[in-house]
Amino acid sequence: MYINTEVKPFQATAFHNGNFIEVSDADLKGKWSVFFFYPADFTFVCPTELGDVADHYEEFKKLGVEIYSVSTDTHFTHKAWHDSSETIGKIQYPMIGDPTGTITRNFGVMRENQGLADRGTFVVDPDGIIQAIEITAEGIGRDAQDLLRKVKAAQYVAAHPGEVCPAKWKEGEATLAPSLDLVGKI
């Protein structure tokens, strides 16, 4: 998967709010989504990241964004982790099980020699098109605050054709309107 490409078709089972639910690419249409891939349940950096996203979930929801965490574990493993960890127990977003690795491969973050996902984050617009990607190495955790900033920037640019968000842009700050007059002036 690459920037400005459409999410490939998929269907999977997720653990969500005490239930197992079916999730597919059709669920993405008409709303913003974040796919948050991580290597495995019951590990070390992963729960800190998932807990951080859980702590900011209401902010994402206010922006009309659904979060989907994904690992190659099963939805049953997600439930067991949710039931046994205080940090994971606060998660209210769908936790997709991808034991076949189909979704993980579709997004290009499968470690084939291990059967695990890399730490990959994908911001997807309401048309199912990827607008932002972040991939980090095993030992580098991600930051939900920065993810929120990227989502807001992607939403701003989508709603304001002809404007772009400069480095470190935050909601309410000035944007740029690329033009010949700006060339060499920044």
N, C-alpha and C. Protein backbone atom coordinates (compact mmCIF):
# COMPACT_ATOMS: atom_id res chain seq x y z
N MET A 1 0.84 -1.18 0.00
CA MET A 1 0.00 0.00 0.00
C MET A 1 0.88 1.25 0.00
N TYR A 2 0.44 2.19 -0.73
CA TYR A 2 1.20 3.43 -0.84
C TYR A 2 0.27 4.63 -0.75
N ILE A 3 0.87 5.78 -0.53
CA ILE A 3 0.09 7.03 -0.50
C ILE A 3 -0.75 7.14 -1.76
N ASN A 4 -1.98 7.60 -1.58
CA ASN A 4 -2.94 7.82 -2.67
C ASN A 4 -3.39 6.54 -3.37
N THR A 5 -3.26 5.40 -2.69
CA THR A 5 -3.82 4.16 -3.22
C THR A 5 -5.01 3.74 -2.37
N GLU A 6 -5.89 2.98 -2.98
CA GLU A 6 -7.09 2.53 -2.28
C GLU A 6 -6.79 1.27 -1.47
N VAL A 7 -7.39 1.19 -0.31
CA VAL A 7 -7.27 0.00 0.53
C VAL A 7 -7.83 -1.19 -0.24
N LYS A 8 -7.07 -2.27 -0.26
CA LYS A 8 -7.51 -3.48 -0.97
C LYS A 8 -8.64 -4.16 -0.20
N PRO A 9 -9.49 -4.88 -0.92
CA PRO A 9 -10.60 -5.57 -0.26
C PRO A 9 -10.12 -6.54 0.83
N PHE A 10 -10.85 -6.58 1.93
CA PHE A 10 -10.55 -7.52 3.01
C PHE A 10 -11.81 -7.79 3.81
N GLN A 11 -11.79 -8.88 4.52
CA GLN A 11 -12.84 -9.19 5.48
C GLN A 11 -12.17 -9.91 6.64
N ALA A 12 -12.52 -9.51 7.86
CA ALA A 12 -11.87 -10.07 9.04
C ALA A 12 -12.82 -10.01 10.23
N THR A 13 -12.43 -10.72 11.29
CA THR A 13 -13.17 -10.68 12.54
C THR A 13 -12.37 -9.85 13.54
N ALA A 14 -13.08 -9.01 14.27
CA ALA A 14 -12.45 -8.15 15.27
C ALA A 14 -13.12 -8.36 16.62
N PHE A 15 -12.36 -8.08 17.66
CA PHE A 15 -12.92 -8.02 19.01
C PHE A 15 -13.25 -6.55 19.26
N HIS A 16 -14.50 -6.27 19.63
CA HIS A 16 -14.92 -4.88 19.82
C HIS A 16 -16.00 -4.81 20.89
N ASN A 17 -15.69 -4.11 21.97
CA ASN A 17 -16.66 -3.88 23.06
C ASN A 17 -17.33 -5.17 23.54
N GLY A 18 -16.52 -6.20 23.76
CA GLY A 18 -17.03 -7.44 24.32
C GLY A 18 -17.62 -8.41 23.32
N ASN A 19 -17.60 -8.05 22.04
CA ASN A 19 -18.19 -8.91 21.01
C ASN A 19 -17.20 -9.17 19.88
N PHE A 20 -17.49 -10.20 19.10
CA PHE A 20 -16.76 -10.43 17.86
C PHE A 20 -17.62 -9.86 16.74
N ILE A 21 -17.01 -9.03 15.91
CA ILE A 21 -17.73 -8.39 14.81
C ILE A 21 -16.96 -8.64 13.51
N GLU A 22 -17.67 -8.55 12.40
CA GLU A 22 -17.04 -8.65 11.09
C GLU A 22 -16.71 -7.24 10.61
N VAL A 23 -15.53 -7.09 10.04
CA VAL A 23 -15.07 -5.81 9.51
C VAL A 23 -14.58 -6.06 8.09
N SER A 24 -14.90 -5.15 7.18
CA SER A 24 -14.42 -5.26 5.81
C SER A 24 -14.08 -3.88 5.26
N ASP A 25 -13.49 -3.88 4.08
CA ASP A 25 -13.14 -2.61 3.43
C ASP A 25 -14.39 -1.77 3.19
N ALA A 26 -15.56 -2.37 3.06
CA ALA A 26 -16.80 -1.61 2.86
C ALA A 26 -17.10 -0.72 4.07
N ASP A 27 -16.64 -1.12 5.26
CA ASP A 27 -16.88 -0.32 6.47
C ASP A 27 -16.12 0.99 6.47
N LEU A 28 -15.13 1.12 5.60
CA LEU A 28 -14.31 2.34 5.56
C LEU A 28 -14.98 3.46 4.79
N LYS A 29 -15.83 3.13 3.87
CA LYS A 29 -16.42 4.12 2.97
C LYS A 29 -17.25 5.14 3.76
N GLY A 30 -17.00 6.40 3.46
CA GLY A 30 -17.80 7.48 4.04
C GLY A 30 -17.28 8.03 5.36
N LYS A 31 -16.15 7.49 5.86
CA LYS A 31 -15.61 8.04 7.11
C LYS A 31 -14.09 7.90 7.09
N TRP A 32 -13.45 8.65 7.94
CA TRP A 32 -12.00 8.55 8.09
C TRP A 32 -11.67 7.35 8.96
N SER A 33 -10.55 6.71 8.66
CA SER A 33 -10.13 5.53 9.41
C SER A 33 -8.62 5.59 9.65
N VAL A 34 -8.20 4.94 10.72
CA VAL A 34 -6.78 4.73 10.98
C VAL A 34 -6.56 3.24 11.19
N PHE A 35 -5.63 2.67 10.42
CA PHE A 35 -5.20 1.29 10.63
C PHE A 35 -3.89 1.35 11.40
N PHE A 36 -3.87 0.70 12.56
CA PHE A 36 -2.75 0.76 13.49
C PHE A 36 -2.21 -0.65 13.67
N PHE A 37 -1.23 -1.02 12.83
CA PHE A 37 -0.64 -2.36 12.88
C PHE A 37 0.43 -2.42 13.97
N TYR A 38 0.52 -3.59 14.61
CA TYR A 38 1.53 -3.80 15.64
C TYR A 38 1.92 -5.28 15.62
N PRO A 39 3.12 -5.62 16.12
CA PRO A 39 3.61 -6.99 15.99
C PRO A 39 2.78 -8.07 16.68
N ALA A 40 2.47 -7.92 17.96
CA ALA A 40 1.81 -9.04 18.65
C ALA A 40 1.20 -8.62 19.97
N ASP A 41 0.14 -9.34 20.34
CA ASP A 41 -0.47 -9.18 21.66
C ASP A 41 0.50 -9.72 22.72
N PHE A 42 0.27 -9.32 23.96
CA PHE A 42 1.04 -9.79 25.11
C PHE A 42 2.54 -9.49 24.97
N THR A 43 2.85 -8.31 24.45
CA THR A 43 4.26 -7.93 24.29
C THR A 43 4.54 -6.67 25.10
N PHE A 44 5.50 -5.86 24.67
CA PHE A 44 6.04 -4.80 25.53
C PHE A 44 5.72 -3.40 25.03
N VAL A 45 6.21 -3.03 23.87
CA VAL A 45 5.93 -1.70 23.33
C VAL A 45 4.48 -1.60 22.87
N CYS A 46 3.96 -2.68 22.30
CA CYS A 46 2.62 -2.68 21.73
C CYS A 46 1.53 -2.19 22.69
N PRO A 47 1.48 -2.69 23.93
CA PRO A 47 0.41 -2.20 24.81
C PRO A 47 0.54 -0.72 25.15
N THR A 48 1.78 -0.19 25.18
CA THR A 48 1.93 1.24 25.46
C THR A 48 1.34 2.06 24.32
N GLU A 49 1.54 1.60 23.10
CA GLU A 49 1.00 2.30 21.93
C GLU A 49 -0.52 2.20 21.89
N LEU A 50 -1.04 0.99 22.04
CA LEU A 50 -2.49 0.79 21.97
C LEU A 50 -3.20 1.53 23.10
N GLY A 51 -2.59 1.56 24.28
CA GLY A 51 -3.14 2.31 25.39
C GLY A 51 -3.14 3.81 25.13
N ASP A 52 -2.08 4.31 24.50
CA ASP A 52 -1.99 5.73 24.14
C ASP A 52 -3.11 6.10 23.17
N VAL A 53 -3.34 5.26 22.17
CA VAL A 53 -4.43 5.51 21.22
C VAL A 53 -5.77 5.44 21.96
N ALA A 54 -5.92 4.48 22.86
CA ALA A 54 -7.17 4.37 23.64
C ALA A 54 -7.42 5.63 24.46
N ASP A 55 -6.36 6.20 25.02
CA ASP A 55 -6.50 7.43 25.82
C ASP A 55 -6.98 8.62 24.98
N HIS A 56 -6.75 8.56 23.67
CA HIS A 56 -7.15 9.66 22.77
C HIS A 56 -8.32 9.28 21.86
N TYR A 57 -8.91 8.12 22.10
CA TYR A 57 -9.96 7.61 21.21
C TYR A 57 -11.14 8.58 21.07
N GLU A 58 -11.56 9.19 22.15
CA GLU A 58 -12.69 10.13 22.07
C GLU A 58 -12.37 11.30 21.17
N GLU A 59 -11.11 11.77 21.19
CA GLU A 59 -10.71 12.85 20.29
C GLU A 59 -10.80 12.41 18.83
N PHE A 60 -10.37 11.17 18.55
CA PHE A 60 -10.48 10.64 17.19
C PHE A 60 -11.96 10.55 16.79
N LYS A 61 -12.80 10.05 17.69
CA LYS A 61 -14.22 9.91 17.38
C LYS A 61 -14.86 11.27 17.07
N LYS A 62 -14.47 12.31 17.81
CA LYS A 62 -15.00 13.66 17.55
C LYS A 62 -14.64 14.14 16.15
N LEU A 63 -13.53 13.63 15.62
CA LEU A 63 -13.11 13.98 14.26
C LEU A 63 -13.75 13.06 13.21
N GLY A 64 -14.59 12.13 13.67
CA GLY A 64 -15.24 11.21 12.75
C GLY A 64 -14.32 10.09 12.28
N VAL A 65 -13.34 9.74 13.11
CA VAL A 65 -12.33 8.74 12.74
C VAL A 65 -12.55 7.46 13.53
N GLU A 66 -12.54 6.32 12.81
CA GLU A 66 -12.54 5.03 13.50
C GLU A 66 -11.13 4.48 13.49
N ILE A 67 -10.73 3.94 14.61
CA ILE A 67 -9.41 3.31 14.76
C ILE A 67 -9.60 1.80 14.61
N TYR A 68 -8.70 1.17 13.87
CA TYR A 68 -8.66 -0.29 13.76
C TYR A 68 -7.25 -0.73 14.10
N SER A 69 -7.08 -1.39 15.24
CA SER A 69 -5.76 -1.97 15.51
C SER A 69 -5.74 -3.33 14.84
N VAL A 70 -4.55 -3.71 14.33
CA VAL A 70 -4.43 -4.97 13.59
C VAL A 70 -3.12 -5.65 13.96
N SER A 71 -3.22 -6.94 14.29
CA SER A 71 -2.03 -7.78 14.41
C SER A 71 -2.37 -9.13 13.81
N THR A 72 -1.37 -9.97 13.65
CA THR A 72 -1.60 -11.30 13.09
C THR A 72 -2.11 -12.30 14.14
N ASP A 73 -2.41 -11.82 15.32
CA ASP A 73 -3.06 -12.65 16.33
C ASP A 73 -4.52 -12.86 15.92
N THR A 74 -5.20 -13.80 16.58
CA THR A 74 -6.62 -14.02 16.32
C THR A 74 -7.47 -13.05 17.14
N HIS A 75 -8.73 -12.94 16.78
CA HIS A 75 -9.67 -12.13 17.56
C HIS A 75 -9.85 -12.74 18.96
N PHE A 76 -9.67 -14.06 19.08
CA PHE A 76 -9.76 -14.70 20.40
C PHE A 76 -8.60 -14.24 21.30
N THR A 77 -7.42 -14.14 20.72
CA THR A 77 -6.26 -13.67 21.48
C THR A 77 -6.47 -12.22 21.91
N HIS A 78 -7.05 -11.41 21.00
CA HIS A 78 -7.34 -10.01 21.36
C HIS A 78 -8.27 -9.96 22.58
N LYS A 79 -9.29 -10.82 22.58
CA LYS A 79 -10.22 -10.84 23.73
C LYS A 79 -9.48 -11.23 25.01
N ALA A 80 -8.65 -12.26 24.93
CA ALA A 80 -7.91 -12.70 26.11
C ALA A 80 -7.00 -11.60 26.63
N TRP A 81 -6.34 -10.89 25.74
CA TRP A 81 -5.46 -9.79 26.14
C TRP A 81 -6.28 -8.67 26.76
N HIS A 82 -7.40 -8.34 26.12
CA HIS A 82 -8.29 -7.29 26.62
C HIS A 82 -8.78 -7.61 28.03
N ASP A 83 -9.09 -8.89 28.25
CA ASP A 83 -9.62 -9.31 29.56
C ASP A 83 -8.55 -9.39 30.64
N SER A 84 -7.27 -9.49 30.26
CA SER A 84 -6.22 -9.72 31.25
C SER A 84 -5.29 -8.53 31.50
N SER A 85 -5.40 -7.49 30.69
CA SER A 85 -4.50 -6.35 30.83
C SER A 85 -5.29 -5.08 31.11
N GLU A 86 -4.91 -4.37 32.16
CA GLU A 86 -5.59 -3.12 32.48
C GLU A 86 -5.44 -2.11 31.35
N THR A 87 -4.25 -2.03 30.77
CA THR A 87 -4.01 -1.08 29.67
C THR A 87 -4.86 -1.42 28.46
N ILE A 88 -4.88 -2.67 28.04
CA ILE A 88 -5.63 -3.09 26.86
C ILE A 88 -7.13 -3.11 27.17
N GLY A 89 -7.48 -3.31 28.42
CA GLY A 89 -8.89 -3.33 28.82
C GLY A 89 -9.62 -2.03 28.59
N LYS A 90 -8.90 -0.93 28.46
CA LYS A 90 -9.57 0.36 28.22
C LYS A 90 -9.83 0.62 26.73
N ILE A 91 -9.39 -0.28 25.85
CA ILE A 91 -9.59 -0.10 24.41
C ILE A 91 -11.07 -0.25 24.06
N GLN A 92 -11.58 0.73 23.31
CA GLN A 92 -12.97 0.70 22.85
C GLN A 92 -13.07 0.61 21.33
N TYR A 93 -11.95 0.65 20.64
CA TYR A 93 -11.96 0.55 19.18
C TYR A 93 -11.81 -0.91 18.75
N PRO A 94 -12.19 -1.26 17.52
CA PRO A 94 -12.07 -2.64 17.05
C PRO A 94 -10.62 -3.10 16.96
N MET A 95 -10.39 -4.32 17.47
CA MET A 95 -9.08 -4.97 17.40
C MET A 95 -9.19 -6.12 16.40
N ILE A 96 -8.69 -5.89 15.18
CA ILE A 96 -8.84 -6.86 14.11
C ILE A 96 -7.81 -7.98 14.23
N GLY A 97 -8.29 -9.21 14.13
CA GLY A 97 -7.42 -10.37 14.06
C GLY A 97 -7.11 -10.66 12.60
N ASP A 98 -5.84 -10.86 12.31
CA ASP A 98 -5.40 -11.13 10.93
C ASP A 98 -4.47 -12.34 10.90
N PRO A 99 -4.95 -13.51 11.37
CA PRO A 99 -4.06 -14.67 11.48
C PRO A 99 -3.54 -15.18 10.13
N THR A 100 -4.24 -14.89 9.04
CA THR A 100 -3.74 -15.30 7.72
C THR A 100 -2.75 -14.29 7.15
N GLY A 101 -2.70 -13.11 7.74
CA GLY A 101 -1.79 -12.06 7.27
C GLY A 101 -2.27 -11.33 6.03
N THR A 102 -3.49 -11.57 5.60
CA THR A 102 -4.00 -10.94 4.38
C THR A 102 -3.99 -9.42 4.46
N ILE A 103 -4.55 -8.88 5.53
CA ILE A 103 -4.63 -7.42 5.67
C ILE A 103 -3.22 -6.85 5.85
N THR A 104 -2.43 -7.50 6.66
CA THR A 104 -1.06 -7.05 6.92
C THR A 104 -0.26 -7.01 5.62
N ARG A 105 -0.41 -8.03 4.78
CA ARG A 105 0.26 -8.03 3.46
C ARG A 105 -0.33 -6.96 2.55
N ASN A 106 -1.66 -6.80 2.57
CA ASN A 106 -2.30 -5.77 1.73
C ASN A 106 -1.71 -4.39 2.00
N PHE A 107 -1.36 -4.12 3.25
CA PHE A 107 -0.81 -2.83 3.62
C PHE A 107 0.72 -2.81 3.53
N GLY A 108 1.32 -3.94 3.18
CA GLY A 108 2.76 -3.98 2.96
C GLY A 108 3.61 -3.94 4.21
N VAL A 109 3.07 -4.40 5.35
CA VAL A 109 3.83 -4.34 6.60
C VAL A 109 4.08 -5.72 7.23
N MET A 110 3.98 -6.77 6.42
CA MET A 110 4.21 -8.12 6.94
C MET A 110 5.70 -8.43 6.98
N ARG A 111 6.17 -8.92 8.12
CA ARG A 111 7.53 -9.47 8.24
C ARG A 111 7.40 -10.95 7.88
N GLU A 112 7.63 -11.27 6.64
CA GLU A 112 7.36 -12.62 6.14
C GLU A 112 8.11 -13.70 6.91
N ASN A 113 9.33 -13.40 7.33
CA ASN A 113 10.11 -14.42 8.04
C ASN A 113 9.63 -14.67 9.47
N GLN A 114 8.75 -13.79 9.98
CA GLN A 114 8.26 -13.93 11.35
C GLN A 114 6.74 -14.10 11.44
N GLY A 115 6.03 -13.75 10.38
CA GLY A 115 4.57 -13.80 10.42
C GLY A 115 3.97 -12.72 11.30
N LEU A 116 4.71 -11.63 11.50
CA LEU A 116 4.26 -10.51 12.34
C LEU A 116 4.20 -9.22 11.53
N ALA A 117 3.39 -8.29 12.00
CA ALA A 117 3.29 -6.98 11.36
C ALA A 117 4.37 -6.05 11.89
N ASP A 118 4.86 -5.19 11.01
CA ASP A 118 5.67 -4.06 11.46
C ASP A 118 4.75 -3.05 12.13
N ARG A 119 5.35 -2.08 12.82
CA ARG A 119 4.58 -0.99 13.40
C ARG A 119 4.22 -0.02 12.27
N GLY A 120 3.03 -0.15 11.74
CA GLY A 120 2.60 0.69 10.63
C GLY A 120 1.30 1.39 10.94
N THR A 121 1.23 2.68 10.61
CA THR A 121 0.03 3.47 10.82
C THR A 121 -0.40 4.04 9.47
N PHE A 122 -1.68 3.90 9.14
CA PHE A 122 -2.21 4.36 7.87
C PHE A 122 -3.47 5.19 8.12
N VAL A 123 -3.46 6.43 7.64
CA VAL A 123 -4.64 7.29 7.72
C VAL A 123 -5.36 7.16 6.38
N VAL A 124 -6.64 6.77 6.46
CA VAL A 124 -7.44 6.48 5.26
C VAL A 124 -8.62 7.45 5.20
N ASP A 125 -8.81 8.07 4.02
CA ASP A 125 -9.89 9.05 3.88
C ASP A 125 -11.23 8.34 3.61
N PRO A 126 -12.34 9.10 3.56
CA PRO A 126 -13.66 8.49 3.38
C PRO A 126 -13.86 7.75 2.06
N ASP A 127 -12.97 7.95 1.10
CA ASP A 127 -13.03 7.22 -0.16
C ASP A 127 -12.19 5.94 -0.13
N GLY A 128 -11.58 5.65 1.03
CA GLY A 128 -10.75 4.46 1.16
C GLY A 128 -9.34 4.64 0.63
N ILE A 129 -8.91 5.90 0.48
CA ILE A 129 -7.60 6.22 -0.07
C ILE A 129 -6.63 6.57 1.07
N ILE A 130 -5.45 5.98 1.03
CA ILE A 130 -4.44 6.23 2.07
C ILE A 130 -3.85 7.62 1.91
N GLN A 131 -3.91 8.42 2.98
CA GLN A 131 -3.42 9.79 2.96
C GLN A 131 -2.14 10.00 3.77
N ALA A 132 -1.83 9.11 4.68
CA ALA A 132 -0.60 9.22 5.49
C ALA A 132 -0.16 7.84 5.92
N ILE A 133 1.15 7.65 5.97
CA ILE A 133 1.74 6.38 6.39
C ILE A 133 2.90 6.68 7.34
N GLU A 134 2.99 5.89 8.41
CA GLU A 134 4.15 5.93 9.30
C GLU A 134 4.52 4.49 9.62
N ILE A 135 5.78 4.15 9.42
CA ILE A 135 6.27 2.82 9.76
C ILE A 135 7.53 2.99 10.60
N THR A 136 7.55 2.32 11.75
CA THR A 136 8.71 2.42 12.64
C THR A 136 9.29 1.03 12.90
N ALA A 137 10.52 1.01 13.35
CA ALA A 137 11.19 -0.24 13.70
C ALA A 137 10.59 -0.80 14.99
N GLU A 138 10.90 -2.06 15.24
CA GLU A 138 10.36 -2.80 16.38
C GLU A 138 10.39 -2.04 17.70
N GLY A 139 11.51 -1.40 18.02
CA GLY A 139 11.67 -0.78 19.33
C GLY A 139 11.20 0.66 19.43
N ILE A 140 10.59 1.20 18.37
CA ILE A 140 10.21 2.62 18.37
C ILE A 140 8.70 2.74 18.42
N GLY A 141 8.19 3.15 19.57
CA GLY A 141 6.75 3.34 19.74
C GLY A 141 6.26 4.62 19.10
N ARG A 142 4.99 4.62 18.75
CA ARG A 142 4.37 5.79 18.10
C ARG A 142 3.63 6.65 19.11
N ASP A 143 3.22 7.83 18.68
CA ASP A 143 2.63 8.85 19.54
C ASP A 143 1.23 9.21 19.02
N ALA A 144 0.20 8.96 19.82
CA ALA A 144 -1.18 9.24 19.41
C ALA A 144 -1.42 10.73 19.18
N GLN A 145 -0.73 11.60 19.92
CA GLN A 145 -0.89 13.04 19.72
C GLN A 145 -0.44 13.44 18.32
N ASP A 146 0.69 12.87 17.87
CA ASP A 146 1.17 13.19 16.53
C ASP A 146 0.24 12.59 15.48
N LEU A 147 -0.31 11.42 15.75
CA LEU A 147 -1.28 10.83 14.84
C LEU A 147 -2.52 11.73 14.72
N LEU A 148 -3.00 12.26 15.83
CA LEU A 148 -4.12 13.20 15.79
C LEU A 148 -3.78 14.41 14.93
N ARG A 149 -2.57 14.94 15.07
CA ARG A 149 -2.15 16.09 14.28
C ARG A 149 -2.18 15.76 12.79
N LYS A 150 -1.69 14.57 12.43
CA LYS A 150 -1.67 14.15 11.02
C LYS A 150 -3.09 13.98 10.48
N VAL A 151 -3.98 13.40 11.28
CA VAL A 151 -5.37 13.24 10.86
C VAL A 151 -5.99 14.62 10.62
N LYS A 152 -5.79 15.53 11.54
CA LYS A 152 -6.36 16.88 11.39
C LYS A 152 -5.81 17.57 10.14
N ALA A 153 -4.53 17.41 9.88
CA ALA A 153 -3.93 18.00 8.68
C ALA A 153 -4.53 17.38 7.42
N ALA A 154 -4.67 16.05 7.40
CA ALA A 154 -5.26 15.37 6.23
C ALA A 154 -6.71 15.82 6.02
N GLN A 155 -7.45 15.96 7.10
CA GLN A 155 -8.84 16.42 6.98
C GLN A 155 -8.90 17.86 6.51
N TYR A 156 -7.99 18.70 7.00
CA TYR A 156 -7.96 20.10 6.58
C TYR A 156 -7.68 20.21 5.08
N VAL A 157 -6.64 19.51 4.63
CA VAL A 157 -6.27 19.56 3.21
C VAL A 157 -7.42 19.04 2.34
N ALA A 158 -8.09 17.98 2.78
CA ALA A 158 -9.22 17.43 2.01
C ALA A 158 -10.36 18.44 1.91
N ALA A 159 -10.57 19.21 2.97
CA ALA A 159 -11.67 20.17 3.00
C ALA A 159 -11.31 21.52 2.38
N HIS A 160 -10.02 21.77 2.13
CA HIS A 160 -9.56 23.06 1.60
C HIS A 160 -8.64 22.85 0.41
N PRO A 161 -9.22 22.49 -0.75
CA PRO A 161 -8.38 22.30 -1.94
C PRO A 161 -7.54 23.55 -2.22
N GLY A 162 -6.30 23.32 -2.60
CA GLY A 162 -5.42 24.45 -2.91
C GLY A 162 -4.63 24.94 -1.72
N GLU A 163 -4.86 24.35 -0.55
CA GLU A 163 -4.09 24.70 0.64
C GLU A 163 -3.32 23.47 1.11
N VAL A 164 -2.16 23.72 1.72
CA VAL A 164 -1.34 22.64 2.29
C VAL A 164 -0.91 23.03 3.69
N CYS A 165 -0.58 22.04 4.48
CA CYS A 165 -0.17 22.26 5.86
C CYS A 165 1.35 22.15 5.96
N PRO A 166 2.02 23.20 6.43
CA PRO A 166 3.48 23.17 6.54
C PRO A 166 3.94 22.30 7.72
N ALA A 167 5.24 22.14 7.85
CA ALA A 167 5.82 21.37 8.94
C ALA A 167 5.31 21.85 10.29
N LYS A 168 5.07 20.92 11.18
CA LYS A 168 4.62 21.18 12.54
C LYS A 168 3.26 21.86 12.62
N TRP A 169 2.50 21.87 11.51
CA TRP A 169 1.19 22.51 11.50
C TRP A 169 0.29 21.92 12.57
N LYS A 170 -0.43 22.81 13.24
CA LYS A 170 -1.43 22.41 14.22
C LYS A 170 -2.73 23.11 13.86
N GLU A 171 -3.82 22.50 14.26
CA GLU A 171 -5.15 23.03 13.97
C GLU A 171 -5.25 24.51 14.35
N GLY A 172 -5.74 25.33 13.42
CA GLY A 172 -5.90 26.75 13.65
C GLY A 172 -4.73 27.59 13.19
N GLU A 173 -3.60 26.95 12.89
CA GLU A 173 -2.43 27.71 12.43
C GLU A 173 -2.53 27.98 10.93
N ALA A 174 -1.67 28.87 10.45
CA ALA A 174 -1.67 29.25 9.04
C ALA A 174 -1.28 28.09 8.15
N THR A 175 -1.89 28.05 6.98
CA THR A 175 -1.55 27.08 5.96
C THR A 175 -0.89 27.82 4.80
N LEU A 176 -0.53 27.08 3.77
CA LEU A 176 0.07 27.68 2.58
C LEU A 176 -0.80 27.41 1.38
N ALA A 177 -0.79 28.33 0.42
CA ALA A 177 -1.44 28.12 -0.87
C ALA A 177 -0.33 28.12 -1.91
N PRO A 178 0.11 26.92 -2.31
CA PRO A 178 1.23 26.85 -3.25
C PRO A 178 0.95 27.65 -4.53
N SER A 179 1.94 28.42 -4.92
CA SER A 179 1.84 29.22 -6.14
C SER A 179 3.24 29.60 -6.61
N LEU A 180 3.31 30.09 -7.81
CA LEU A 180 4.57 30.52 -8.37
C LEU A 180 5.21 31.62 -7.52
N ASP A 181 4.38 32.44 -6.89
CA ASP A 181 4.89 33.54 -6.05
C ASP A 181 5.63 33.05 -4.82
N LEU A 182 5.35 31.81 -4.37
CA LEU A 182 6.01 31.27 -3.17
C LEU A 182 7.35 30.58 -3.47
N VAL A 183 7.58 30.26 -4.72
CA VAL A 183 8.80 29.53 -5.09
C VAL A 183 10.03 30.33 -4.67
N GLY A 184 10.87 29.73 -3.84
CA GLY A 184 12.09 30.37 -3.38
C GLY A 184 11.90 31.39 -2.27
N LYS A 185 10.67 31.54 -1.79
CA LYS A 185 10.39 32.56 -0.76
C LYS A 185 10.24 31.93 0.64
N ILE A 186 10.20 30.63 0.69
CA ILE A 186 10.01 29.96 1.99
C ILE A 186 11.34 29.41 2.47
